Amino acid sequence: MAGIGEFMINHHKECDEVFTRAEEAVGAGDWARAQAEYEAFAHQMERHFDMEENILFPQFDQRTGHVGGPTMVMRMEHNQMRVVIHELRAALEAKDAQQYLGLSETFLVLTQQHNYKEEAVLYNMIDQVFGGEVEKLVAQLESV
């Protein structure tokens, strides 16, 4: 049985891979490929945020009564990442590689710190809280 942690960590990796492809395309000055990869990246990130904010976090909060706890911090960090994703789009549209790559570093730091908290702590908590119901929860996430 795959747990929430395994499923979501795999999705983190997918998001990271498409982010890297967009960054590489910008670095190479291949703006058409950069645009396509960026759009795939932005879509994957929004899907990831949706899975967490609309399924995982509300169910975890309801089950544990932790409203305002760890998921609130994760939501705030998602909003910080959304701002940088928006700024990346603007740099891409301006074909400003230096700005894009600088923002990429910022995004990478934010994401690494955020993912560590989810992967090392929160997903394990969710797996423990949902126990035998984890498969049903993973099926809900897959449908997003």
Protein backbone atom coordinates (compact mmCIF):
# COMPACT_ATOMS: atom_id res chain seq x y z
CA MET A 1 0.00 0.00 0.00
CA ALA A 2 1.40 3.36 -1.02
CA GLY A 3 1.02 5.97 1.65
CA ILE A 4 0.31 9.65 1.35
CA GLY A 5 3.99 10.36 1.85
CA GLU A 6 5.08 8.11 -1.01
CA PHE A 7 2.41 9.46 -3.36
CA MET A 8 3.05 13.13 -2.59
CA ILE A 9 6.86 12.80 -2.57
CA ASN A 10 6.61 11.29 -6.07
CA HIS A 11 4.52 14.29 -7.11
CA HIS A 12 7.12 16.64 -5.60
CA LYS A 13 9.70 14.94 -7.83
CA GLU A 14 7.51 15.36 -10.92
CA CYS A 15 7.11 19.07 -10.16
CA ASP A 16 10.87 19.41 -9.62
CA GLU A 17 11.65 17.71 -12.95
CA VAL A 18 9.42 19.98 -15.01
CA PHE A 19 10.71 23.03 -13.09
CA THR A 20 14.27 22.00 -14.02
CA ARG A 21 13.35 21.55 -17.67
CA ALA A 22 11.89 25.08 -17.80
CA GLU A 23 14.97 26.51 -16.08
CA GLU A 24 17.30 24.71 -18.51
CA ALA A 25 15.33 26.02 -21.51
CA VAL A 26 15.56 29.59 -20.20
CA GLY A 27 19.29 29.14 -19.63
CA ALA A 28 19.66 27.93 -23.22
CA GLY A 29 17.61 30.85 -24.54
CA ASP A 30 15.06 28.46 -26.03
CA TRP A 31 12.07 30.65 -25.24
CA ALA A 32 9.46 28.52 -27.01
CA ARG A 33 10.49 25.41 -25.07
CA ALA A 34 10.83 27.48 -21.89
CA GLN A 35 7.25 28.70 -22.29
CA ALA A 36 5.92 25.18 -22.81
CA GLU A 37 7.89 23.77 -19.89
CA TYR A 38 6.92 26.68 -17.65
CA GLU A 39 3.23 26.14 -18.43
CA ALA A 40 3.59 22.44 -17.59
CA PHE A 41 5.39 23.38 -14.37
CA ALA A 42 2.77 25.97 -13.34
CA HIS A 43 0.01 23.45 -14.04
CA GLN A 44 1.72 20.72 -11.99
CA MET A 45 2.30 23.09 -9.08
CA GLU A 46 -1.31 24.26 -9.04
CA ARG A 47 -2.46 20.62 -9.18
CA HIS A 48 -0.19 19.86 -6.24
CA PHE A 49 -1.50 22.80 -4.24
CA ASP A 50 -5.08 21.75 -5.09
CA MET A 51 -4.46 18.19 -3.87
CA GLU A 52 -3.17 19.48 -0.58
CA GLU A 53 -5.43 22.47 -0.01
CA ASN A 54 -8.69 20.92 -1.19
CA ILE A 55 -8.30 17.29 -0.10
CA LEU A 56 -5.40 16.49 2.23
CA PHE A 57 -5.31 19.49 4.51
CA PRO A 58 -9.06 19.89 5.12
CA GLN A 59 -9.48 16.19 5.88
CA PHE A 60 -6.43 16.17 8.14
CA ASP A 61 -7.61 19.31 9.95
CA GLN A 62 -11.10 17.85 10.41
CA ARG A 63 -9.78 14.52 11.66
CA THR A 64 -7.26 16.01 14.09
CA GLY A 65 -8.88 19.30 15.06
CA HIS A 66 -5.56 21.04 14.21
CA VAL A 67 -7.17 24.00 12.43
CA GLY A 68 -4.54 26.72 12.38
CA GLY A 69 -1.75 24.22 12.91
CA PRO A 70 0.77 22.77 10.47
CA THR A 71 -1.52 22.98 7.45
CA MET A 72 -1.99 26.71 7.96
CA VAL A 73 1.79 27.17 7.69
CA MET A 74 1.86 25.02 4.55
CA ARG A 75 -0.92 27.10 2.98
CA MET A 76 0.97 30.31 3.73
CA GLU A 77 4.09 28.85 2.10
CA HIS A 78 2.02 27.81 -0.93
CA ASN A 79 0.94 31.43 -1.29
CA GLN A 80 4.58 32.57 -1.12
CA MET A 81 5.44 30.07 -3.86
CA ARG A 82 2.49 31.24 -5.97
CA VAL A 83 3.89 34.78 -5.87
CA VAL A 84 7.26 33.58 -7.17
CA ILE A 85 5.56 31.42 -9.83
CA HIS A 86 3.72 34.54 -11.01
CA GLU A 87 6.99 36.51 -11.05
CA LEU A 88 8.63 33.71 -13.05
CA ARG A 89 5.87 34.05 -15.64
CA ALA A 90 6.51 37.79 -15.92
CA ALA A 91 10.26 37.23 -16.36
CA LEU A 92 9.57 34.57 -18.99
CA GLU A 93 7.19 36.84 -20.90
CA ALA A 94 9.85 39.58 -20.82
CA LYS A 95 12.45 37.02 -21.99
CA ASP A 96 14.61 38.12 -19.07
CA ALA A 97 16.80 35.09 -18.42
CA GLN A 98 18.75 36.73 -15.59
CA GLN A 99 15.56 37.64 -13.72
CA TYR A 100 14.02 34.22 -14.37
CA LEU A 101 17.10 32.34 -13.16
CA GLY A 102 17.38 34.50 -10.05
CA LEU A 103 13.73 33.85 -9.23
CA SER A 104 14.35 30.16 -9.90
CA GLU A 105 16.91 30.13 -7.11
CA THR A 106 14.43 31.80 -4.77
CA PHE A 107 11.75 29.31 -5.72
CA LEU A 108 14.11 26.39 -5.24
CA VAL A 109 15.01 27.48 -1.70
CA LEU A 110 11.35 28.04 -0.76
CA THR A 111 10.35 24.69 -2.22
CA GLN A 112 13.15 22.71 -0.63
CA GLN A 113 12.35 24.09 2.83
CA HIS A 114 8.63 23.55 2.32
CA ASN A 115 8.97 20.03 0.94
CA TYR A 116 11.26 19.01 3.77
CA LYS A 117 8.59 19.92 6.34
CA GLU A 118 5.93 18.03 4.42
CA GLU A 119 8.08 14.99 3.67
CA ALA A 120 9.76 14.67 7.07
CA VAL A 121 6.78 15.51 9.27
CA LEU A 122 3.35 16.29 7.83
CA TYR A 123 2.90 13.39 5.41
CA ASN A 124 3.92 10.92 8.12
CA MET A 125 1.34 12.49 10.43
CA ILE A 126 -1.33 12.16 7.74
CA ASP A 127 -0.40 8.51 7.10
CA GLN A 128 -0.70 7.80 10.84
CA VAL A 129 -3.98 9.64 11.27
CA PHE A 130 -5.65 7.95 8.29
CA GLY A 131 -4.11 4.49 8.73
CA GLY A 132 -6.18 1.98 6.76
CA GLU A 133 -8.02 4.75 4.92
CA VAL A 134 -4.88 6.00 3.18
CA GLU A 135 -5.63 4.15 -0.07
CA LYS A 136 -9.01 5.90 -0.33
CA LEU A 137 -7.30 9.25 0.26
CA VAL A 138 -4.65 8.51 -2.40
CA ALA A 139 -7.45 7.65 -4.86
CA GLN A 140 -9.01 11.06 -4.19
CA LEU A 141 -5.67 12.75 -4.85
CA GLU A 142 -5.16 10.85 -8.11
CA SER A 143 -8.48 12.21 -9.39
CA VAL A 144 -7.33 15.84 -9.11
